[in-house]
Structures are given as C-alpha cells and as structure tokens.
C-alpha cells in the first residue's frame, strides 16, 4: 500500500511533466521515500531468497508432481519481474539523488534515500547527461513494467494479491470440519424419523442433486478460493495423507478447480452460455485422491488466506456416494452395517452391550 503511493507519484509526474510532485508535503515525504527504499530492498532480497529456495535448494513442496513446467515458470517469472522492478526503482532513485546534489534542471532537492544513496560513489564519475538517461530509462522501465505486470496478473497465480483480502474476509467462521447442511437430505431424514411431522414445502432453490460434479455445483466462495491460491504448497506439506505417499495434494485440488473453471469459461466465450463439454472436475481430480483425504483440516489450518480445499473434496465425495453410489469397499461394508445395525460395527443392536458381561 505504501509503495503504491510512489507509483501514483510516478504516474502524476509522467502526465503533468512534474518531478516528485508529492515533495510539497515536507518532512513526511522524506519518511515516505525512505520507507519505499527500505521496502524495495527487502522485496528484492526476499525474491532472491525465494528463487534460491525454489531452484537451488528445491524444497519438497516446490517440486511436487502438480507443479509442472508452467507453474514453475510462472513462479520464477513473478520473482524475476519483482527483482527487476525493484532494481529499476533503486537505480532511478540513485541517479536522481546524484542529479539533485548537482542541481541539474528540474531535479528538485527532495526525499531521503537511505539505500539508493549508496550508488552515489558509483555514479560520481557519470556525466549529467548519462545520469539523466539512466534515470529516465529506469523510470520508464519501472512504470511500464508495473502496468504490464497488472495485465499479467489474471493469467498467473499472482492473481491472489487482488483476491487474498476479499477471500479472507468471506472465509468460513464456523467450526473447522463442520459439514454444510443439505436441505433436501435434512427434510428426508426428519420425515423418516417422524412421518407425522409437518415440514414447509420444498423451496425453489433446493438443489436437485447431491454434492458437486463440476464447477457449476460449487459455491462462488469455493471458486474464489481457487483463484486466491498462490500455490505455496503449505496445505500439501501439512497433509498427512500426502506425507504417507498417497496421491492427495490439497494444492492440486485448488489448481485443478481453477484449471477446470478456466476451461469452462473459454468454452462459454467461444460457444455461448449453453455450451457443455464432456468433461467435469472428475476429469482432473481422481476418486483415489478424494478418498485419501482424512478430513483432518490440516490443509485449511495451514493456508495463509483461509482457502478451504476440504469443502471441495467433501462435495465431490458427496456426489460420488449419493449420486453415483461409488464408495471404496471398506466404506461400503460400514454403510451397510450402519443401515442395518445403526452403528458401524458388525453386531446387532441387541448384542452391542455383551462385552460388558465378560
């Protein structure tokens, strides 16, 4: 937010032909420019560290199977772009600082430069014209780079910088792991328990199918979760199923949801709103991945922006069980025993307390 003030100043200077238009605010301007520089060098150093972690140290969560060539390239492009933008900003300020000291042209004496002033020794032997050229080239590179990067955001994982705030604001505040109530299921259970009960008529919004087969069956919040994911892999690193070698990766669930959403969107753009293809979320996410989940919520707790991969997994499992009658053999037996005995164990209700007689 602070650095955006600097971007605003650059844009105004470019449009009006001014130089450091905000310098009129006095001492506060020195504090702002100093803050920009400190933040810029911290961003630059952090991105260098992140590049090393990804490409040299190769931390496990950055080398998993879902991080194919494009996600890896995308991450590196973002980090390199950030490094170039911050470098251009500091070089621009360094040349500006020297030009201010020389009293050249419109370079007004304004701002504190705790980082870029270190370049003054390097720039001391440059002519005024050379320094102006460096300052202008870096100025143009910085602002064009920012505007180009803004256009790149919707196509990259870095889109999360726009969606992380609203995604966190609208995150689920209920107890972790609490299932959403399904109105039509609750209605059937209540009628089964007491056929005499009088229930209101089914609402027009009552869903006509159970669970989620495709992105149209997910909520807007679940779809926003997919676009808020920065692919950091903290969810997958914390997932006990993934740690034991199973296929499940909560990060992949979110990436697959986003990929499917983009595929459907492109189809609609090309063929109209009624376009249907032969694919679904199950074309991306396998049943083996879904049933590997223990619903422990480790992934939900690990996410920095409150993304909930578990809700998508549960909705897709609901579809498999309640629409397709597809369950692993281990669960099929348990469901049968619950139906017949009212409990998951293979004992009749009358025999359930016999162990106390031993």
Protein backbone atom coordinates (compact mmCIF):
# COMPACT_ATOMS: atom_id res chain seq x y z
CA UNK A 1 0.00 0.00 0.00
CA UNK A 2 2.89 2.34 0.82
CA UNK A 3 4.75 1.56 -2.41
CA UNK A 4 1.58 2.35 -4.39
CA UNK A 5 1.91 5.98 -3.26
CA UNK A 6 5.25 6.02 -5.10
CA UNK A 7 3.60 4.51 -8.18
CA UNK A 8 0.92 7.22 -8.05
CA UNK A 9 3.60 9.92 -7.90
CA UNK A 10 5.41 8.46 -10.90
CA UNK A 11 2.17 8.42 -12.92
CA UNK A 12 1.30 12.03 -12.00
CA UNK A 13 4.84 13.19 -12.83
CA UNK A 14 4.60 11.46 -16.19
CA UNK A 15 1.23 13.00 -17.02
CA UNK A 16 1.95 16.54 -15.81
CA UNK A 17 5.65 16.78 -16.61
CA UNK A 18 6.49 17.47 -12.96
CA UNK A 19 9.22 15.92 -10.82
CA UNK A 20 8.47 14.50 -7.36
CA UNK A 21 5.11 16.21 -7.19
CA UNK A 22 4.43 15.00 -3.63
CA UNK A 23 7.59 16.66 -2.28
CA UNK A 24 5.49 19.63 -1.18
CA UNK A 25 4.25 17.66 1.85
CA UNK A 26 7.60 18.34 3.50
CA UNK A 27 9.28 16.05 6.08
CA UNK A 28 6.63 13.38 5.61
CA UNK A 29 7.88 12.98 2.04
CA UNK A 30 11.37 12.11 3.31
CA UNK A 31 9.82 9.42 5.50
CA UNK A 32 7.77 8.03 2.60
CA UNK A 33 10.69 7.86 0.17
CA UNK A 34 12.87 6.27 2.85
CA UNK A 35 10.12 3.70 3.50
CA UNK A 36 9.82 2.98 -0.24
CA UNK A 37 13.53 2.30 -0.48
CA UNK A 38 13.69 0.05 2.58
CA UNK A 39 10.66 -1.92 1.39
CA UNK A 40 12.10 -2.16 -2.13
CA UNK A 41 15.41 -3.63 -0.96
CA UNK A 42 13.56 -6.06 1.34
CA UNK A 43 11.33 -7.19 -1.54
CA UNK A 44 14.38 -7.61 -3.78
CA UNK A 45 16.29 -9.66 -1.19
CA UNK A 46 13.22 -11.76 -0.36
CA UNK A 47 12.66 -12.61 -4.04
CA UNK A 48 16.30 -13.66 -4.39
CA UNK A 49 15.89 -15.95 -1.38
CA UNK A 50 12.67 -17.38 -2.85
CA UNK A 51 14.40 -18.07 -6.16
CA UNK A 52 17.16 -19.93 -4.32
CA UNK A 53 14.61 -21.95 -2.33
CA UNK A 54 12.75 -22.94 -5.49
CA UNK A 55 15.59 -23.58 -7.91
CA UNK A 56 18.70 -24.43 -5.89
CA UNK A 57 17.59 -25.82 -2.52
CA UNK A 58 14.48 -27.27 -4.21
CA UNK A 59 12.23 -27.50 -1.16
CA UNK A 60 9.95 -30.53 -1.46
CA UNK A 61 6.67 -28.65 -1.73
CA UNK A 62 8.05 -26.75 -4.75
CA UNK A 63 8.96 -29.92 -6.66
CA UNK A 64 5.75 -31.96 -6.41
CA UNK A 65 4.03 -33.50 -9.41
CA UNK A 66 1.34 -30.81 -9.78
CA UNK A 67 3.99 -28.12 -10.24
CA UNK A 68 4.52 -28.80 -13.93
CA UNK A 69 6.58 -26.65 -16.27
CA UNK A 70 4.11 -23.73 -16.40
CA UNK A 71 3.53 -23.30 -12.62
CA UNK A 72 7.30 -23.40 -12.08
CA UNK A 73 7.90 -20.92 -14.91
CA UNK A 74 5.09 -18.67 -13.67
CA UNK A 75 6.58 -18.52 -10.17
CA UNK A 76 10.05 -17.73 -11.49
CA UNK A 77 8.72 -15.05 -13.86
CA UNK A 78 6.95 -13.30 -10.99
CA UNK A 79 10.05 -13.34 -8.78
CA UNK A 80 12.37 -12.15 -11.57
CA UNK A 81 9.91 -9.39 -12.52
CA UNK A 82 9.77 -8.19 -8.91
CA UNK A 83 13.58 -8.13 -8.74
CA UNK A 84 13.84 -6.13 -11.98
CA UNK A 85 11.16 -3.64 -10.92
CA UNK A 86 12.76 -3.02 -7.53
CA UNK A 87 16.24 -2.76 -9.09
CA UNK A 88 14.98 -0.19 -11.61
CA UNK A 89 13.33 1.81 -8.80
CA UNK A 90 16.54 1.92 -6.72
CA UNK A 91 18.74 2.77 -9.73
CA UNK A 92 16.30 5.54 -10.72
CA UNK A 93 16.48 6.99 -7.21
CA UNK A 94 20.27 6.64 -7.12
CA UNK A 95 20.69 8.65 -10.32
CA UNK A 96 18.05 11.13 -9.11
CA UNK A 97 19.91 11.59 -5.82
CA UNK A 98 23.17 12.50 -7.59
CA UNK A 99 21.37 14.83 -10.03
CA UNK A 100 19.67 16.58 -7.12
CA UNK A 101 23.03 17.13 -5.47
CA UNK A 102 24.37 18.68 -8.66
CA UNK A 103 21.35 20.97 -9.01
CA UNK A 104 20.63 19.75 -12.54
CA UNK A 105 17.49 21.02 -14.30
CA UNK A 106 14.15 20.15 -12.71
CA UNK A 107 15.57 17.61 -10.23
CA UNK A 108 14.31 19.30 -7.09
CA UNK A 109 16.01 18.61 -3.77
CA UNK A 110 13.51 16.28 -2.13
CA UNK A 111 13.36 12.89 -0.43
CA UNK A 112 15.57 10.71 1.78
CA UNK A 113 17.46 7.91 0.01
CA UNK A 114 18.91 5.50 2.63
CA UNK A 115 19.50 2.72 0.08
CA UNK A 116 19.98 4.29 -3.36
CA UNK A 117 22.36 6.95 -1.98
CA UNK A 118 24.87 4.10 -1.70
CA UNK A 119 25.14 4.27 -5.51
CA UNK A 120 26.39 7.86 -5.37
CA UNK A 121 30.01 6.71 -5.39
CA UNK A 122 29.40 4.57 -8.47
CA UNK A 123 27.53 7.37 -10.27
CA UNK A 124 30.01 10.10 -9.29
CA UNK A 125 32.03 9.74 -12.48
CA UNK A 126 28.98 9.83 -14.79
CA UNK A 127 28.10 12.95 -16.73
CA UNK A 128 24.82 14.76 -16.14
CA UNK A 129 23.50 13.53 -19.47
CA UNK A 130 24.37 9.91 -18.68
CA UNK A 131 22.71 10.12 -15.29
CA UNK A 132 19.56 11.66 -16.78
CA UNK A 133 19.50 8.84 -19.34
CA UNK A 134 19.81 6.21 -16.60
CA UNK A 135 17.12 7.91 -14.51
CA UNK A 136 14.70 8.17 -17.47
CA UNK A 137 15.31 4.59 -18.68
CA UNK A 138 14.72 3.22 -15.18
CA UNK A 139 11.67 5.48 -14.77
CA UNK A 140 10.08 4.15 -17.97
CA UNK A 141 11.08 0.55 -17.25
CA UNK A 142 9.58 0.73 -13.75
CA UNK A 143 6.22 2.19 -14.73
CA UNK A 144 5.79 0.18 -17.95
CA UNK A 145 6.81 -2.95 -16.04
CA UNK A 146 4.18 -2.30 -13.35
CA UNK A 147 1.40 -1.68 -15.90
CA UNK A 148 2.39 -4.75 -17.94
CA UNK A 149 2.53 -6.85 -14.77
CA UNK A 150 -1.00 -5.74 -13.83
CA UNK A 151 -2.22 -7.18 -17.15
CA UNK A 152 -0.35 -10.41 -16.46
CA UNK A 153 -1.91 -10.90 -13.01
CA UNK A 154 -5.21 -12.52 -14.13
CA UNK A 155 -3.25 -15.13 -16.11
CA UNK A 156 -0.90 -16.07 -13.28
CA UNK A 157 -1.02 -17.43 -9.74
CA UNK A 158 -0.11 -13.93 -8.56
CA UNK A 159 -3.78 -13.00 -9.03
CA UNK A 160 -4.01 -13.87 -5.32
CA UNK A 161 -2.68 -10.39 -4.44
CA UNK A 162 -6.04 -8.98 -5.55
CA UNK A 163 -8.24 -11.76 -4.13
CA UNK A 164 -6.49 -12.65 -0.87
CA UNK A 165 -8.17 -9.80 1.05
CA UNK A 166 -11.79 -10.50 -0.01
CA UNK A 167 -11.19 -14.25 0.21
CA UNK A 168 -10.07 -13.94 3.82
CA UNK A 169 -12.93 -11.56 4.62
CA UNK A 170 -15.52 -14.05 3.32
CA UNK A 171 -13.85 -17.14 4.82
CA UNK A 172 -15.91 -19.62 6.80
CA UNK A 173 -16.08 -18.78 10.52
CA UNK A 174 -17.87 -21.99 11.50
CA UNK A 175 -16.03 -24.76 13.33
CA UNK A 176 -13.48 -26.39 11.05
CA UNK A 177 -14.83 -29.58 9.51
CA UNK A 178 -18.48 -28.75 10.12
CA UNK A 179 -20.41 -30.02 7.12
CA UNK A 180 -22.86 -27.77 5.34
CA UNK A 181 -26.45 -28.78 5.81
CA UNK A 182 -28.27 -30.14 2.75
CA UNK A 183 -31.90 -29.05 2.94
CA UNK A 184 -33.29 -31.90 0.88
CA UNK A 185 -31.41 -34.52 2.90
CA UNK A 186 -32.47 -33.00 6.23
CA UNK A 187 -36.08 -32.99 5.03
CA UNK A 188 -35.99 -36.70 4.17
CA UNK A 189 -34.36 -37.63 7.50
CA UNK A 190 -36.93 -35.67 9.51
CA UNK A 191 -39.80 -37.35 7.62
CA UNK A 192 -38.22 -40.76 8.16
CA UNK A 193 -37.82 -40.15 11.91
CA UNK A 194 -41.36 -38.79 12.31
CA UNK A 195 -43.71 -39.21 9.32
CA UNK A 196 -46.31 -37.08 11.12
CA UNK A 197 -44.09 -34.01 11.26
CA UNK A 198 -45.30 -31.07 9.20
CA UNK A 199 -42.49 -29.55 7.16
CA UNK A 200 -42.61 -26.49 4.92
CA UNK A 201 -42.86 -27.07 1.20
CA UNK A 202 -39.51 -27.54 -0.58
CA UNK A 203 -38.06 -24.23 -1.66
CA UNK A 204 -37.49 -23.42 -5.30
CA UNK A 205 -33.77 -23.06 -4.59
CA UNK A 206 -33.48 -26.58 -3.19
CA UNK A 207 -30.71 -28.37 -5.14
CA UNK A 208 -31.82 -31.17 -7.39
CA UNK A 209 -28.62 -33.15 -7.00
CA UNK A 210 -26.22 -34.00 -4.23
CA UNK A 211 -22.64 -32.83 -3.99
CA UNK A 212 -20.53 -31.42 -6.80
CA UNK A 213 -19.68 -32.96 -10.16
CA UNK A 214 -18.43 -29.84 -11.89
CA UNK A 215 -17.63 -26.22 -11.15
CA UNK A 216 -21.27 -25.18 -11.65
CA UNK A 217 -22.09 -27.15 -8.49
CA UNK A 218 -19.54 -25.30 -6.36
CA UNK A 219 -20.25 -22.07 -4.50
CA UNK A 220 -18.82 -18.71 -5.57
CA UNK A 221 -16.61 -18.79 -2.47
CA UNK A 222 -15.10 -22.13 -3.47
CA UNK A 223 -14.36 -20.72 -6.93
CA UNK A 224 -12.80 -17.62 -5.39
CA UNK A 225 -10.69 -19.94 -3.23
CA UNK A 226 -9.28 -21.44 -6.41
CA UNK A 227 -8.24 -18.04 -7.77
CA UNK A 228 -6.85 -16.93 -4.40
CA UNK A 229 -4.39 -19.83 -4.25
CA UNK A 230 -0.76 -18.79 -4.66
CA UNK A 231 0.39 -22.43 -4.96
CA UNK A 232 2.66 -22.09 -1.93
CA UNK A 233 2.06 -25.74 -1.01
CA UNK A 234 1.74 -25.24 2.75
CA UNK A 235 -1.54 -27.18 2.66
CA UNK A 236 0.07 -30.14 0.91
CA UNK A 237 3.13 -30.03 3.17
CA UNK A 238 0.83 -30.36 6.21
CA UNK A 239 -1.44 -33.05 4.69
CA UNK A 240 -0.91 -36.39 6.50
CA UNK A 241 -2.23 -38.34 3.51
CA UNK A 242 0.33 -36.70 1.23
CA UNK A 243 3.10 -37.29 3.77
CA UNK A 244 2.39 -41.04 3.66
CA UNK A 245 2.78 -41.12 -0.11
CA UNK A 246 -0.86 -41.00 -1.18
CA UNK A 247 -1.88 -39.09 -4.31
CA UNK A 248 -3.86 -36.43 -2.48
CA UNK A 249 -2.46 -32.90 -2.67
CA UNK A 250 -4.81 -30.14 -1.45
CA UNK A 251 -2.87 -27.64 -3.56
CA UNK A 252 -3.58 -29.75 -6.66
CA UNK A 253 -7.30 -29.76 -5.78
CA UNK A 254 -7.30 -25.96 -5.91
CA UNK A 255 -5.16 -25.79 -9.07
CA UNK A 256 -7.38 -28.36 -10.81
CA UNK A 257 -10.52 -26.45 -9.83
CA UNK A 258 -9.06 -23.24 -11.29
CA UNK A 259 -7.96 -25.05 -14.47
CA UNK A 260 -11.41 -26.54 -14.94
CA UNK A 261 -13.05 -23.16 -14.27
CA UNK A 262 -10.87 -21.53 -16.94
CA UNK A 263 -11.62 -24.36 -19.37
CA UNK A 264 -15.38 -23.92 -18.90
CA UNK A 265 -15.04 -20.14 -19.22
CA UNK A 266 -13.16 -20.41 -22.52
CA UNK A 267 -15.79 -22.82 -23.83
CA UNK A 268 -18.59 -20.39 -22.94
CA UNK A 269 -16.71 -17.47 -24.52
CA UNK A 270 -16.30 -19.46 -27.71
CA UNK A 271 -19.61 -21.29 -27.96
CA UNK A 272 -22.13 -19.38 -25.84
CA UNK A 273 -23.59 -19.67 -22.35
CA UNK A 274 -25.29 -23.02 -23.04
CA UNK A 275 -22.05 -24.72 -24.02
CA UNK A 276 -21.48 -28.12 -22.41
CA UNK A 277 -18.47 -30.36 -22.84
CA UNK A 278 -17.93 -33.97 -21.89
CA UNK A 279 -15.61 -33.16 -19.00
CA UNK A 280 -16.10 -32.44 -15.30
CA UNK A 281 -14.00 -31.92 -12.20
CA UNK A 282 -13.53 -35.68 -12.16
CA UNK A 283 -11.56 -35.31 -15.40
CA UNK A 284 -8.94 -33.53 -13.30
CA UNK A 285 -9.36 -34.98 -9.79
CA UNK A 286 -9.38 -38.75 -9.35
CA UNK A 287 -11.51 -40.72 -6.90
CA UNK A 288 -8.31 -42.06 -5.34
CA UNK A 289 -7.28 -38.51 -4.42
CA UNK A 290 -10.68 -37.74 -2.91
CA UNK A 291 -10.87 -40.84 -0.74
CA UNK A 292 -7.31 -40.39 0.52
CA UNK A 293 -8.50 -37.35 2.50
CA UNK A 294 -9.00 -37.93 6.23
CA UNK A 295 -10.90 -34.60 6.60
CA UNK A 296 -8.49 -33.59 9.36
CA UNK A 297 -8.48 -29.91 8.26
CA UNK A 298 -4.68 -29.64 8.38
CA UNK A 299 -4.75 -28.04 4.92
CA UNK A 300 -7.37 -25.49 5.94
CA UNK A 301 -5.46 -24.51 9.06
CA UNK A 302 -2.17 -24.18 7.14
CA UNK A 303 -3.47 -21.80 4.45
CA UNK A 304 -2.41 -18.16 4.96
CA UNK A 305 -5.57 -16.85 3.27
CA UNK A 306 -8.15 -19.32 4.66
CA UNK A 307 -8.66 -21.37 1.49
CA UNK A 308 -10.75 -24.49 2.14
CA UNK A 309 -9.79 -27.43 -0.13
CA UNK A 310 -11.68 -29.80 2.18
CA UNK A 311 -15.07 -28.33 1.24
CA UNK A 312 -14.48 -29.18 -2.43
CA UNK A 313 -13.28 -32.69 -1.54
CA UNK A 314 -16.36 -33.31 0.63
CA UNK A 315 -18.76 -32.01 -2.03
CA UNK A 316 -17.18 -34.23 -4.68
CA UNK A 317 -17.32 -37.24 -2.35
CA UNK A 318 -20.99 -36.46 -1.66
CA UNK A 319 -21.62 -36.64 -5.38
CA UNK A 320 -19.85 -39.99 -5.67
CA UNK A 321 -21.75 -41.51 -2.75
CA UNK A 322 -25.21 -40.01 -3.19
CA UNK A 323 -25.44 -39.70 -6.97
CA UNK A 324 -23.18 -42.45 -8.32
CA UNK A 325 -23.26 -44.89 -5.36
CA UNK A 326 -19.49 -45.14 -5.64
CA UNK A 327 -17.64 -45.83 -2.41
CA UNK A 328 -14.50 -47.80 -1.55
CA UNK A 329 -15.23 -51.38 -0.49
CA UNK A 330 -14.12 -50.63 3.08
CA UNK A 331 -16.80 -47.93 3.35
CA UNK A 332 -19.49 -49.95 1.59
CA UNK A 333 -19.48 -52.51 4.41
CA UNK A 334 -19.60 -49.78 7.04
CA UNK A 335 -22.56 -48.08 5.34
CA UNK A 336 -24.43 -51.40 5.21
CA UNK A 337 -23.82 -52.01 8.93
CA UNK A 338 -25.00 -48.50 9.83
CA UNK A 339 -28.15 -49.08 7.78
CA UNK A 340 -28.86 -52.47 9.37
CA UNK A 341 -27.44 -52.13 12.88
CA UNK A 342 -27.44 -48.38 13.48
CA UNK A 343 -23.69 -48.49 14.09
CA UNK A 344 -20.55 -49.19 12.04
CA UNK A 345 -19.76 -52.41 13.93
CA UNK A 346 -20.99 -55.82 12.79
CA UNK A 347 -23.07 -56.50 15.88
CA UNK A 348 -26.82 -56.35 16.19
CA UNK A 349 -28.16 -53.62 18.46
CA UNK A 350 -29.30 -56.22 20.97
CA UNK A 351 -25.77 -57.61 21.27
CA UNK A 352 -23.95 -54.29 21.48
CA UNK A 353 -23.51 -54.33 25.28
CA UNK A 354 -22.49 -58.00 25.63
CA UNK A 355 -18.84 -57.10 26.05
CA UNK A 356 -19.72 -55.74 29.49
CA UNK A 357 -20.67 -59.26 30.65
CA UNK A 358 -17.18 -60.66 30.08
